[in-house]
């Protein structure tokens, strides 16, 4: 199955294409629910710990909580993007792709760095 088959307005999608596209959407929904549920739970636990009775807090605990949130968010983002790419329906932020080019092109347009 080609990506253009699923997304083409001129060619009707086959039953297999629709089935694969639906499977990808279900997978993405499951990943989002799992990942966001984990992030929500971690945030609620961290908030409960901060609102609890005063006690010594370890910076390493805060660091580990933030790293866990960071890891889960990055992992779910990559998984969802990968599944969307499988059917040619992934979002591409054109602005973020233009920024590195604009940054490297700027000195050349201004006569270079001296």
C-alpha atoms as a PDB file:
ATOM      1  CA  UNK A   1       0.000   0.000   0.000  1.00  0.00           C
ATOM      2  CA  UNK A   2       1.379   3.386  -0.883  1.00  0.00           C
ATOM      3  CA  UNK A   3       0.999   6.504   1.226  1.00  0.00           C
ATOM      4  CA  UNK A   4      -0.530   8.341  -1.706  1.00  0.00           C
ATOM      5  CA  UNK A   5      -3.296   5.746  -1.950  1.00  0.00           C
ATOM      6  CA  UNK A   6      -4.580   6.585   1.521  1.00  0.00           C
ATOM      7  CA  UNK A   7      -4.360  10.345   1.191  1.00  0.00           C
ATOM      8  CA  UNK A   8      -5.205  10.815  -2.480  1.00  0.00           C
ATOM      9  CA  UNK A   9      -8.493  12.541  -3.131  1.00  0.00           C
ATOM     10  CA  UNK A  10      -8.570  11.263  -6.720  1.00  0.00           C
ATOM     11  CA  UNK A  11      -8.180   7.541  -5.958  1.00  0.00           C
ATOM     12  CA  UNK A  12     -10.589   5.786  -3.618  1.00  0.00           C
ATOM     13  CA  UNK A  13      -8.933   3.944  -0.760  1.00  0.00           C
ATOM     14  CA  UNK A  14      -9.165   0.170  -0.755  1.00  0.00           C
ATOM     15  CA  UNK A  15     -10.614  -1.758   2.173  1.00  0.00           C
ATOM     16  CA  UNK A  16      -7.060  -2.765   3.132  1.00  0.00           C
ATOM     17  CA  UNK A  17      -5.946   0.880   3.114  1.00  0.00           C
ATOM     18  CA  UNK A  18      -8.857   1.921   5.309  1.00  0.00           C
ATOM     19  CA  UNK A  19      -8.200  -1.006   7.656  1.00  0.00           C
ATOM     20  CA  UNK A  20      -4.494  -0.084   7.981  1.00  0.00           C
ATOM     21  CA  UNK A  21      -5.286   3.591   8.492  1.00  0.00           C
ATOM     22  CA  UNK A  22      -7.838   2.731  11.191  1.00  0.00           C
ATOM     23  CA  UNK A  23      -5.333   0.405  12.903  1.00  0.00           C
ATOM     24  CA  UNK A  24      -2.763   3.207  12.960  1.00  0.00           C
ATOM     25  CA  UNK A  25      -5.264   5.648  14.471  1.00  0.00           C
ATOM     26  CA  UNK A  26      -6.213   3.092  17.151  1.00  0.00           C
ATOM     27  CA  UNK A  27      -2.499   2.515  17.926  1.00  0.00           C
ATOM     28  CA  UNK A  28      -1.886   6.257  18.170  1.00  0.00           C
ATOM     29  CA  UNK A  29      -4.869   6.676  20.488  1.00  0.00           C
ATOM     30  CA  UNK A  30      -3.621   3.859  22.724  1.00  0.00           C
ATOM     31  CA  UNK A  31      -0.124   5.388  22.856  1.00  0.00           C
ATOM     32  CA  UNK A  32      -1.503   8.831  23.656  1.00  0.00           C
ATOM     33  CA  UNK A  33      -3.781   7.519  26.401  1.00  0.00           C
ATOM     34  CA  UNK A  34      -0.970   5.489  27.960  1.00  0.00           C
ATOM     35  CA  UNK A  35       1.634   8.243  27.781  1.00  0.00           C
ATOM     36  CA  UNK A  36      -0.589  11.085  28.925  1.00  0.00           C
ATOM     37  CA  UNK A  37      -1.964   8.945  31.751  1.00  0.00           C
ATOM     38  CA  UNK A  38       1.600   8.306  32.973  1.00  0.00           C
ATOM     39  CA  UNK A  39       2.504  11.992  32.764  1.00  0.00           C
ATOM     40  CA  UNK A  40      -0.690  12.932  34.608  1.00  0.00           C
ATOM     41  CA  UNK A  41      -0.012  10.388  37.366  1.00  0.00           C
ATOM     42  CA  UNK A  42       3.569  11.581  37.840  1.00  0.00           C
ATOM     43  CA  UNK A  43       2.444  15.206  37.997  1.00  0.00           C
ATOM     44  CA  UNK A  44      -0.308  14.409  40.534  1.00  0.00           C
ATOM     45  CA  UNK A  45       2.147  12.460  42.727  1.00  0.00           C
ATOM     46  CA  UNK A  46       4.713  15.276  42.569  1.00  0.00           C
ATOM     47  CA  UNK A  47       2.058  17.834  43.481  1.00  0.00           C
ATOM     48  CA  UNK A  48       0.808  15.667  46.373  1.00  0.00           C
ATOM     49  CA  UNK A  49       4.383  15.353  47.662  1.00  0.00           C
ATOM     50  CA  UNK A  50       4.843  19.129  47.544  1.00  0.00           C
ATOM     51  CA  UNK A  51       1.543  19.688  49.363  1.00  0.00           C
ATOM     52  CA  UNK A  52       2.262  17.091  52.029  1.00  0.00           C
ATOM     53  CA  UNK A  53       3.828  17.648  55.434  1.00  0.00           C
ATOM     54  CA  UNK A  54       7.176  19.453  55.445  1.00  0.00           C
ATOM     55  CA  UNK A  55      10.122  17.101  55.178  1.00  0.00           C
ATOM     56  CA  UNK A  56      13.547  17.103  53.588  1.00  0.00           C
ATOM     57  CA  UNK A  57      13.322  16.838  49.814  1.00  0.00           C
ATOM     58  CA  UNK A  58      15.988  15.431  47.585  1.00  0.00           C
ATOM     59  CA  UNK A  59      16.893  17.339  44.435  1.00  0.00           C
ATOM     60  CA  UNK A  60      17.530  13.953  42.823  1.00  0.00           C
ATOM     61  CA  UNK A  61      13.853  13.040  43.298  1.00  0.00           C
ATOM     62  CA  UNK A  62      12.746  16.203  41.508  1.00  0.00           C
ATOM     63  CA  UNK A  63      15.302  15.587  38.764  1.00  0.00           C
ATOM     64  CA  UNK A  64      14.059  12.004  38.332  1.00  0.00           C
ATOM     65  CA  UNK A  65      10.422  13.130  38.120  1.00  0.00           C
ATOM     66  CA  UNK A  66      11.251  15.737  35.469  1.00  0.00           C
ATOM     67  CA  UNK A  67      13.375  13.245  33.510  1.00  0.00           C
ATOM     68  CA  UNK A  68      10.525  10.707  33.629  1.00  0.00           C
ATOM     69  CA  UNK A  69       8.052  13.266  32.271  1.00  0.00           C
ATOM     70  CA  UNK A  70      10.558  14.307  29.593  1.00  0.00           C
ATOM     71  CA  UNK A  71      11.254  10.694  28.567  1.00  0.00           C
ATOM     72  CA  UNK A  72       7.585   9.689  28.407  1.00  0.00           C
ATOM     73  CA  UNK A  73       6.636  12.782  26.393  1.00  0.00           C
ATOM     74  CA  UNK A  74       9.492  12.293  23.891  1.00  0.00           C
ATOM     75  CA  UNK A  75       8.828   8.559  23.584  1.00  0.00           C
ATOM     76  CA  UNK A  76       5.108   8.951  22.938  1.00  0.00           C
ATOM     77  CA  UNK A  77       5.722  11.826  20.502  1.00  0.00           C
ATOM     78  CA  UNK A  78       8.157   9.676  18.508  1.00  0.00           C
ATOM     79  CA  UNK A  79       5.896   6.610  18.556  1.00  0.00           C
ATOM     80  CA  UNK A  80       2.838   8.541  17.391  1.00  0.00           C
ATOM     81  CA  UNK A  81       4.846  10.327  14.676  1.00  0.00           C
ATOM     82  CA  UNK A  82       6.285   7.023  13.471  1.00  0.00           C
ATOM     83  CA  UNK A  83       2.846   5.421  13.184  1.00  0.00           C
ATOM     84  CA  UNK A  84       1.526   8.483  11.340  1.00  0.00           C
ATOM     85  CA  UNK A  85       4.488   8.254   8.938  1.00  0.00           C
ATOM     86  CA  UNK A  86       3.524   4.627   8.249  1.00  0.00           C
ATOM     87  CA  UNK A  87       0.433   5.870   6.419  1.00  0.00           C
ATOM     88  CA  UNK A  88       1.835   9.147   5.117  1.00  0.00           C
ATOM     89  CA  UNK A  89      -0.166  11.254   7.548  1.00  0.00           C
ATOM     90  CA  UNK A  90       2.533  12.709   9.794  1.00  0.00           C
ATOM     91  CA  UNK A  91       2.609  16.398  10.675  1.00  0.00           C
ATOM     92  CA  UNK A  92       5.649  18.335   9.492  1.00  0.00           C
ATOM     93  CA  UNK A  93       6.316  21.723  11.079  1.00  0.00           C
ATOM     94  CA  UNK A  94       7.558  23.659   8.063  1.00  0.00           C
ATOM     95  CA  UNK A  95       8.687  26.579  10.242  1.00  0.00           C
ATOM     96  CA  UNK A  96      11.007  24.387  12.308  1.00  0.00           C
ATOM     97  CA  UNK A  97      12.538  22.984   9.100  1.00  0.00           C
ATOM     98  CA  UNK A  98      13.170  26.499   7.786  1.00  0.00           C
ATOM     99  CA  UNK A  99      14.821  27.823  10.961  1.00  0.00           C
ATOM    100  CA  UNK A 100      18.188  26.022  10.605  1.00  0.00           C
ATOM    101  CA  UNK A 101      18.390  27.075   6.958  1.00  0.00           C
ATOM    102  CA  UNK A 102      17.557  30.668   7.839  1.00  0.00           C
ATOM    103  CA  UNK A 103      20.101  30.644  10.660  1.00  0.00           C
ATOM    104  CA  UNK A 104      22.928  29.331   8.481  1.00  0.00           C
ATOM    105  CA  UNK A 105      21.956  31.528   5.541  1.00  0.00           C
ATOM    106  CA  UNK A 106      21.764  34.756   7.575  1.00  0.00           C
ATOM    107  CA  UNK A 107      25.547  35.405   7.853  1.00  0.00           C
ATOM    108  CA  UNK A 108      26.001  34.791   4.126  1.00  0.00           C
ATOM    109  CA  UNK A 109      23.267  37.310   3.312  1.00  0.00           C
ATOM    110  CA  UNK A 110      24.860  39.900   5.604  1.00  0.00           C
ATOM    111  CA  UNK A 111      28.258  39.567   3.983  1.00  0.00           C
ATOM    112  CA  UNK A 112      29.493  36.782   6.258  1.00  0.00           C
ATOM    113  CA  UNK A 113      30.958  36.763   9.728  1.00  0.00           C
ATOM    114  CA  UNK A 114      34.141  38.787  10.152  1.00  0.00           C
END
